[in-house]
Every structure is written in C-alpha cells, then in structure tokens.
Amino acid sequence: MPIIDLRSDTVTQPTPGMREAMQAAELGDDVYGEDPTVNRLEHYLAAELGFEAALFVPTGTMSNLLGLMAHCARGDEYIVGQQAHTYKYEGGGAAVLGSIQPQPIEGEADGSLDLDKIEAAIKQDDFHFARTRLLALENTMQGKVLPQAYLQAARELTTRRGLALHLDGARLYNAAVKLGVPARQITQYFDSVSVCLSKGLGAPVGSVLCGSAELIGRARRLRKMVGGGMRQAGMLAAAGLYALEHQVQRLADDHANAERLAAGLRELGYAVEPVQTNMVYVAVGEQAGALQAFCAARGIKLSAAPRLRMVTHLDIAAADIEQVIAAFAAFRVS
C-alpha cells in the first residue's frame, strides 16, 4: 500500500535529479575547507540571502545552536517564543551546551512575539541579571508567516536596545514563496539566519547558518567543538544546492495542497485553523489516537495530538489529499 505521510515535511525522499547531483558531486575534505561543493553551497546561500559568509552543518538544531552560541557568551540571555523550536524542541542545547539563559515569551496567534513584551523582558544592566544579548524569531512559525512590517519593527527595537537578531528560518522559503518576495527581503532584517535544507526543500540532510564573516568564524570553531565537522560532505551539499536551484518555487504546490486539505476538512465539519503555507492544524480532541490508528490502516501516517498537525510536502500529491479527506470522512461516520 502506498504511504501518505503527513507527519512532517522532514520525511521527503531525494528526487531523481537530486540523487544524480549527489552522485556527481565534486568532493574534498570540508574540515580543511577543501570540499568545493560545500564551499559553493555556502557562497551561494550567503550571497542569496545578503550575508558575508555561511556555514554548512548536519542539522537545523546544530545551526541554531551555533548561531546562539556565536552571539552569546556564558551567562548571557536570549529572548524567544514559548513554542519556538530553539527553545522547546532542541533539547535545551543553548542552556546545556552554551550556558545561555532563555527568556521565553508566550507567542501571539499570528506567530509573532509582542514587541512590548519583548522590550519589557530585556534585563537592566545589573549584575543580578543575565545579560540580554539576542532576540530569536522563527519564520514560518507553525506555518504562519511573519509580516515584513513586523520584522522591520523587531529590527528597529533590537537596534535601539543593542540586541542581535537571529532567525530560525527552517521554513524560510515557504515564507518567501507565500509572500511572493525574494528570501533576502526577509533575511535583510537579521544578523544571522539558519536555513534548513531537509524540510520543504527536500534535501536528505543539512542546514546552513548565515551571518557576518566574524560570526561565521566563531560558529565554525564551535561546529568542530560540538562534533559537526564533516569530511567529504559535498554529496550532502550537492543535494542542498539542487534543492535551492530547482525546488523552491514548487513549495507553492504544497501550500495549495494544504489549502485544499483544510477546505475539505472544514466541509466535513472539522475545526481547522486558517492555513498560510504547508501546515494544517485540526482540532480532533480525545479522538487523536483513534484517528491515527484508523488512518494508519489506510496507509496514511499522522501524529496523534488533540491539535493535530498535518504537513504537506513534495511527496504529497493532489490525489493524496483527496484520499486523506475521504479517510477523515469515513472516520467521522465510523
């Protein structure tokens, strides 16, 4: 039975063209800085997003960790959303490995952090307190796109208060495609950006941290420290390059499939949150476990949660969406 996997956009398989690019990649030892394909990926993305330098790393978790540690010293603090990936889903790495204190703030319904709450959370220059050094935002945030005007206001706030601004841009290109703008129009407001290649873009592995040459120099040393130095990594970098060159604009297909899924479920009477990009959130309550099992028997993989998240991606076709809607309809009358 063909599997329709809606748990995340991390489950994508490399496309035939991507596999060919990986096979043909020119290789060297990246720890020595000699892998030409890694170097090309780093130069490409730094230029694409408007930064001086970039660093290829195995995972988005590592990319964010290196960004936070490159900005903050031991005893410093970063302000972040309660539901943000860097705070909630990355094992507490900033605190455990970087000795950086997080100051979480509850997020708003649109995925943003209230700027007044951010400003109120900035600590006084007093030895009783951790030193507030950084604000970390996420875009998209649970599928929601942060507006350009909001990003500009956040930049103005951090500049005025002497903070750096980091973006967890795991799904940066989903946001750019939704807004219909080049990705650098989003990243222009940030001092550092982490871009994941293995989500909607469809590469099997890898993320890239972008920033100033000085910041990336610090991050490169930290990458070695936490075990992220890779050798002939060009095969992985080639997949990322292929994704950036061939699989950005097709993200609009994922967004359209998510919209269709949301509309179909609403027609069935399910409570579905507004959809902006490739994530559909449905309220299923105590039926989450039963729904997961029901769909699994029909070749549909879901996560079990009262607020159920389904994520469309390049391995989900329009016909798959109709099968999922039919399964939800059958479950509702079962």
Protein backbone atom coordinates (compact mmCIF):
# COMPACT_ATOMS: atom_id res chain seq x y z
CA MET A 1 0.00 0.00 0.00
CA PRO A 2 1.44 3.44 -0.92
CA ILE A 3 2.07 5.53 2.18
CA ILE A 4 0.83 9.12 2.56
CA ASP A 5 2.98 10.60 5.31
CA LEU A 6 1.68 13.89 6.71
CA ARG A 7 3.65 13.91 9.96
CA SER A 8 6.25 16.42 8.73
CA ASP A 9 7.99 17.78 5.67
CA THR A 10 11.18 16.15 7.00
CA VAL A 11 10.09 12.77 5.59
CA THR A 12 10.70 13.68 1.94
CA GLN A 13 12.84 11.46 -0.28
CA PRO A 14 15.50 12.85 -2.66
CA THR A 15 14.19 13.33 -6.19
CA PRO A 16 15.92 11.57 -9.12
CA GLY A 17 17.59 14.81 -10.18
CA MET A 18 18.85 15.37 -6.65
CA ARG A 19 20.29 11.85 -6.49
CA GLU A 20 22.13 12.46 -9.76
CA ALA A 21 23.56 15.71 -8.40
CA MET A 22 24.74 13.93 -5.26
CA GLN A 23 26.38 11.17 -7.29
CA ALA A 24 28.21 13.67 -9.48
CA ALA A 25 29.35 15.99 -6.66
CA GLU A 26 32.98 17.05 -6.60
CA LEU A 27 34.41 16.23 -3.17
CA GLY A 28 37.15 17.24 -0.76
CA ASP A 29 37.73 17.41 2.99
CA ASP A 30 35.46 20.10 4.38
CA VAL A 31 37.23 20.30 7.75
CA TYR A 32 40.23 21.53 5.76
CA GLY A 33 37.89 23.81 3.82
CA GLU A 34 38.63 21.83 0.67
CA ASP A 35 35.25 20.48 -0.36
CA PRO A 36 34.35 22.53 -3.46
CA THR A 37 30.66 21.62 -3.37
CA VAL A 38 30.29 22.62 0.28
CA ASN A 39 32.10 25.87 -0.48
CA ARG A 40 29.79 26.51 -3.41
CA LEU A 41 26.70 25.92 -1.26
CA GLU A 42 27.97 28.27 1.44
CA HIS A 43 28.86 31.01 -1.04
CA TYR A 44 25.58 30.58 -2.91
CA LEU A 45 23.35 30.91 0.15
CA ALA A 46 25.34 33.75 1.74
CA ALA A 47 25.01 35.74 -1.48
CA GLU A 48 21.37 34.73 -1.97
CA LEU A 49 20.39 35.97 1.49
CA GLY A 50 22.66 39.01 1.70
CA PHE A 51 25.32 37.87 4.18
CA GLU A 52 29.10 37.83 4.16
CA ALA A 53 29.52 34.14 4.96
CA ALA A 54 27.76 30.86 5.64
CA LEU A 55 28.43 27.51 7.29
CA PHE A 56 27.05 24.10 6.27
CA VAL A 57 26.10 21.87 9.20
CA PRO A 58 24.35 18.50 9.60
CA THR A 59 21.12 19.69 11.24
CA GLY A 60 18.91 22.67 11.93
CA THR A 61 19.31 22.09 15.65
CA MET A 62 23.08 22.46 15.31
CA SER A 63 22.72 25.50 13.07
CA ASN A 64 20.54 27.29 15.60
CA LEU A 65 22.79 26.24 18.48
CA LEU A 66 25.90 27.58 16.76
CA GLY A 67 24.09 30.81 15.97
CA LEU A 68 23.02 31.32 19.57
CA MET A 69 26.46 30.43 20.92
CA ALA A 70 28.21 32.68 18.41
CA HIS A 71 26.07 35.62 19.54
CA CYS A 72 26.02 34.93 23.29
CA ALA A 73 28.61 34.17 25.96
CA ARG A 74 28.16 32.17 29.15
CA GLY A 75 25.70 33.96 31.40
CA ASP A 76 24.05 35.82 28.56
CA GLU A 77 20.35 35.54 27.74
CA TYR A 78 18.25 35.29 24.61
CA ILE A 79 14.57 36.17 24.27
CA VAL A 80 12.49 33.57 22.45
CA GLY A 81 8.93 32.32 22.00
CA GLN A 82 7.49 29.64 24.28
CA GLN A 83 6.68 27.45 21.27
CA ALA A 84 9.82 28.26 19.28
CA HIS A 85 11.90 25.37 18.06
CA THR A 86 15.13 26.76 19.54
CA TYR A 87 13.51 26.81 22.99
CA LYS A 88 11.13 23.87 23.08
CA TYR A 89 12.34 21.26 20.62
CA GLU A 90 16.14 21.37 20.60
CA GLY A 91 16.93 19.61 23.86
CA GLY A 92 17.75 22.76 25.79
CA GLY A 93 21.08 22.91 23.94
CA ALA A 94 21.59 26.65 24.35
CA ALA A 95 21.39 26.27 28.14
CA VAL A 96 23.15 22.91 28.44
CA LEU A 97 25.98 23.46 25.97
CA GLY A 98 26.17 27.25 25.71
CA SER A 99 25.27 28.27 29.28
CA ILE A 100 22.86 30.74 27.66
CA GLN A 101 19.71 31.52 29.63
CA PRO A 102 16.48 31.52 27.60
CA GLN A 103 13.83 34.12 28.42
CA PRO A 104 10.67 32.65 26.87
CA ILE A 105 7.65 34.78 25.94
CA GLU A 106 4.23 33.44 25.03
CA GLY A 107 3.64 33.88 21.32
CA GLU A 108 0.75 35.61 19.62
CA ALA A 109 -1.86 33.89 17.44
CA ASP A 110 -0.15 35.14 14.26
CA GLY A 111 3.17 33.53 15.21
CA SER A 112 4.85 36.76 16.30
CA LEU A 113 6.13 37.86 19.69
CA ASP A 114 4.59 41.04 21.05
CA LEU A 115 7.24 43.77 20.79
CA ASP A 116 6.14 45.44 24.03
CA LYS A 117 6.56 42.13 25.86
CA ILE A 118 9.99 41.70 24.30
CA GLU A 119 11.08 45.14 25.45
CA ALA A 120 9.73 44.52 28.95
CA ALA A 121 11.74 41.28 29.14
CA ILE A 122 15.09 42.96 28.40
CA LYS A 123 17.11 42.94 31.61
CA GLN A 124 18.65 46.01 33.20
CA ASP A 125 22.42 46.32 33.14
CA ASP A 126 22.76 44.94 36.66
CA PHE A 127 24.97 42.08 37.91
CA HIS A 128 21.90 40.43 39.47
CA PHE A 129 20.60 39.60 35.99
CA ALA A 130 21.70 37.66 32.98
CA ARG A 131 22.80 39.94 30.15
CA THR A 132 20.15 40.15 27.44
CA ARG A 133 22.01 39.85 24.15
CA LEU A 134 19.74 38.37 21.50
CA LEU A 135 16.20 38.05 20.19
CA ALA A 136 15.40 34.85 18.26
CA LEU A 137 12.40 34.70 15.93
CA GLU A 138 11.05 31.86 13.80
CA ASN A 139 9.59 32.19 10.28
CA THR A 140 7.41 30.39 9.42
CA MET A 141 6.07 29.80 12.93
CA GLN A 142 3.70 26.81 12.98
CA GLY A 143 3.05 27.53 9.32
CA LYS A 144 2.37 31.24 9.84
CA VAL A 145 4.37 33.91 8.02
CA LEU A 146 5.71 36.91 9.95
CA PRO A 147 4.78 40.13 8.11
CA GLN A 148 7.55 42.30 6.69
CA ALA A 149 6.40 45.31 8.72
CA TYR A 150 6.70 43.26 11.90
CA LEU A 151 10.24 42.18 11.04
CA GLN A 152 11.24 45.78 10.39
CA ALA A 153 9.78 46.84 13.74
CA ALA A 154 11.62 44.00 15.51
CA ARG A 155 14.87 45.11 13.85
CA GLU A 156 14.31 48.69 14.96
CA LEU A 157 13.68 47.51 18.53
CA THR A 158 16.78 45.32 18.71
CA THR A 159 18.96 48.03 17.19
CA ARG A 160 17.68 50.59 19.67
CA ARG A 161 18.24 48.24 22.63
CA GLY A 162 21.58 46.87 21.48
CA LEU A 163 20.47 43.29 20.80
CA ALA A 164 21.37 40.98 17.96
CA LEU A 165 18.54 39.37 15.95
CA HIS A 166 18.59 35.70 14.89
CA LEU A 167 16.13 33.95 12.60
CA ASP A 168 15.29 30.28 12.77
CA GLY A 169 14.40 30.14 9.10
CA ALA A 170 13.84 26.39 8.94
CA ARG A 171 10.98 27.13 6.53
CA LEU A 172 12.25 30.50 5.29
CA TYR A 173 11.49 29.65 1.68
CA ASN A 174 7.90 28.73 2.48
CA ALA A 175 7.53 32.24 3.89
CA ALA A 176 9.19 33.82 0.85
CA VAL A 177 7.03 31.90 -1.61
CA LYS A 178 3.88 32.78 0.33
CA LEU A 179 4.78 36.47 0.33
CA GLY A 180 5.97 36.38 -3.28
CA VAL A 181 9.30 38.02 -2.42
CA PRO A 182 12.97 37.01 -2.66
CA ALA A 183 14.11 35.36 0.57
CA ARG A 184 16.63 38.14 1.18
CA GLN A 185 13.75 40.60 1.68
CA ILE A 186 13.02 38.60 4.83
CA THR A 187 16.61 38.00 5.92
CA GLN A 188 17.68 41.64 5.47
CA TYR A 189 16.50 42.41 9.00
CA PHE A 190 18.60 39.74 10.74
CA ASP A 191 22.17 39.38 11.98
CA SER A 192 22.08 35.61 11.46
CA VAL A 193 19.77 33.13 9.78
CA SER A 194 19.53 29.35 9.98
CA VAL A 195 18.11 27.74 6.81
CA CYS A 196 17.05 24.08 6.81
CA LEU A 197 17.51 22.20 3.56
CA SER A 198 15.84 18.96 4.65
CA LYS A 199 12.26 20.13 5.18
CA GLY A 200 10.14 21.51 2.35
CA LEU A 201 13.17 21.94 0.10
CA GLY A 202 13.54 18.17 0.12
CA ALA A 203 17.25 17.55 0.72
CA PRO A 204 18.02 14.48 2.87
CA VAL A 205 20.35 16.24 5.34
CA GLY A 206 21.69 19.64 6.25
CA SER A 207 21.21 23.24 7.28
CA VAL A 208 23.17 26.42 6.66
CA LEU A 209 23.92 29.23 9.12
CA CYS A 210 24.44 32.65 7.52
CA GLY A 211 25.91 35.76 9.10
CA SER A 212 28.89 38.10 9.15
CA ALA A 213 32.35 36.72 8.44
CA GLU A 214 33.25 37.24 12.10
CA LEU A 215 30.17 35.42 13.40
CA ILE A 216 30.61 32.51 10.99
CA GLY A 217 34.26 32.27 12.04
CA ARG A 218 33.14 31.79 15.63
CA ALA A 219 30.47 29.33 14.54
CA ARG A 220 32.99 27.28 12.55
CA ARG A 221 35.12 26.79 15.68
CA LEU A 222 32.00 25.88 17.67
CA ARG A 223 30.90 23.42 14.96
CA LYS A 224 34.13 21.49 15.46
CA MET A 225 33.64 21.61 19.23
CA VAL A 226 30.18 20.01 19.10
CA GLY A 227 31.16 17.36 16.56
CA GLY A 228 29.75 18.91 13.41
CA GLY A 229 32.90 18.87 11.30
CA MET A 230 32.28 16.64 8.27
CA ARG A 231 34.73 15.36 5.67
CA GLN A 232 33.56 14.63 2.09
CA ALA A 233 30.29 16.43 2.79
CA GLY A 234 29.88 17.62 -0.79
CA MET A 235 27.46 14.80 -1.57
CA LEU A 236 25.10 16.28 1.01
CA ALA A 237 25.81 19.86 -0.02
CA ALA A 238 25.01 18.94 -3.62
CA ALA A 239 21.53 17.89 -2.54
CA GLY A 240 21.06 21.25 -0.84
CA LEU A 241 22.26 23.15 -3.90
CA TYR A 242 19.91 21.16 -6.12
CA ALA A 243 17.02 21.94 -3.77
CA LEU A 244 17.77 25.67 -3.79
CA GLU A 245 18.14 25.77 -7.57
CA HIS A 246 15.18 23.54 -8.51
CA GLN A 247 12.72 23.07 -5.63
CA VAL A 248 11.89 26.48 -4.18
CA GLN A 249 9.01 27.65 -6.36
CA ARG A 250 7.29 24.26 -6.18
CA LEU A 251 6.62 25.00 -2.48
CA ALA A 252 3.54 26.80 -3.79
CA ASP A 253 2.15 23.36 -4.69
CA ASP A 254 2.49 22.28 -1.06
CA HIS A 255 0.67 25.42 0.04
CA ALA A 256 -2.16 24.74 -2.43
CA ASN A 257 -2.45 21.14 -1.22
CA ALA A 258 -2.64 22.34 2.38
CA GLU A 259 -5.40 24.79 1.45
CA ARG A 260 -7.35 22.02 -0.28
CA LEU A 261 -6.94 19.70 2.70
CA ALA A 262 -8.12 22.41 5.09
CA ALA A 263 -11.14 23.24 2.92
CA GLY A 264 -12.13 19.60 2.59
CA LEU A 265 -11.95 19.01 6.32
CA ARG A 266 -13.96 22.14 7.07
CA GLU A 267 -16.67 20.87 4.72
CA LEU A 268 -16.81 17.73 6.85
CA GLY A 269 -17.32 19.79 10.00
CA TYR A 270 -13.81 19.68 11.45
CA ALA A 271 -12.44 22.78 13.17
CA VAL A 272 -9.44 23.81 11.08
CA GLU A 273 -7.17 26.77 11.71
CA PRO A 274 -6.51 29.22 8.84
CA VAL A 275 -3.78 27.95 6.52
CA GLN A 276 -0.97 30.11 5.16
CA THR A 277 1.73 27.71 4.00
CA ASN A 278 2.15 23.93 4.22
CA MET A 279 0.75 23.20 7.69
CA VAL A 280 -2.83 22.28 8.55
CA TYR A 281 -3.92 22.28 12.21
CA VAL A 282 -7.14 20.43 13.05
CA ALA A 283 -8.86 20.12 16.43
CA VAL A 284 -9.57 16.42 16.98
CA GLY A 285 -9.50 16.31 20.79
CA GLU A 286 -9.64 12.94 22.51
CA GLN A 287 -10.12 11.17 19.17
CA ALA A 288 -6.50 11.75 18.19
CA GLY A 289 -5.27 8.24 18.94
CA ALA A 290 -8.24 6.53 17.30
CA LEU A 291 -7.95 8.75 14.23
CA GLN A 292 -4.26 7.99 13.91
CA ALA A 293 -4.91 4.23 14.01
CA PHE A 294 -7.84 4.49 11.59
CA CYS A 295 -5.76 6.40 9.05
CA ALA A 296 -2.70 4.16 9.53
CA ALA A 297 -4.80 1.18 8.44
CA ARG A 298 -5.47 3.10 5.21
CA GLY A 299 -1.83 3.97 4.53
CA ILE A 300 -1.94 7.49 6.00
CA LYS A 301 0.62 8.41 8.66
CA LEU A 302 -0.41 11.06 11.18
CA SER A 303 0.93 12.26 14.51
CA ALA A 304 -1.53 11.76 17.38
CA ALA A 305 -2.34 15.08 19.09
CA PRO A 306 -5.56 16.87 20.09
CA ARG A 307 -4.36 19.78 17.95
CA LEU A 308 -3.37 17.64 15.01
CA ARG A 309 -0.72 18.98 12.65
CA MET A 310 -0.53 17.75 9.07
CA VAL A 311 2.26 18.93 6.80
CA THR A 312 2.23 18.81 3.01
CA HIS A 313 5.46 18.35 1.04
CA LEU A 314 6.90 17.29 -2.30
CA ASP A 315 5.96 13.62 -1.80
CA ILE A 316 2.28 14.51 -1.30
CA ALA A 317 0.22 14.82 -4.50
CA ALA A 318 -3.19 16.40 -5.02
CA ALA A 319 -4.71 12.91 -5.33
CA ASP A 320 -3.27 12.02 -1.91
CA ILE A 321 -5.12 14.96 -0.38
CA GLU A 322 -8.43 13.60 -1.66
CA GLN A 323 -7.63 10.22 -0.09
CA VAL A 324 -6.93 11.88 3.24
CA ILE A 325 -10.19 13.86 3.13
CA ALA A 326 -12.06 10.64 2.33
CA ALA A 327 -10.42 8.89 5.29
CA PHE A 328 -11.44 11.69 7.64
CA ALA A 329 -14.97 11.49 6.27
CA ALA A 330 -15.08 7.73 6.86
CA PHE A 331 -13.72 8.14 10.39
CA ARG A 332 -16.39 10.71 11.18
CA VAL A 333 -19.19 8.23 10.42
CA SER A 334 -17.46 5.12 11.77
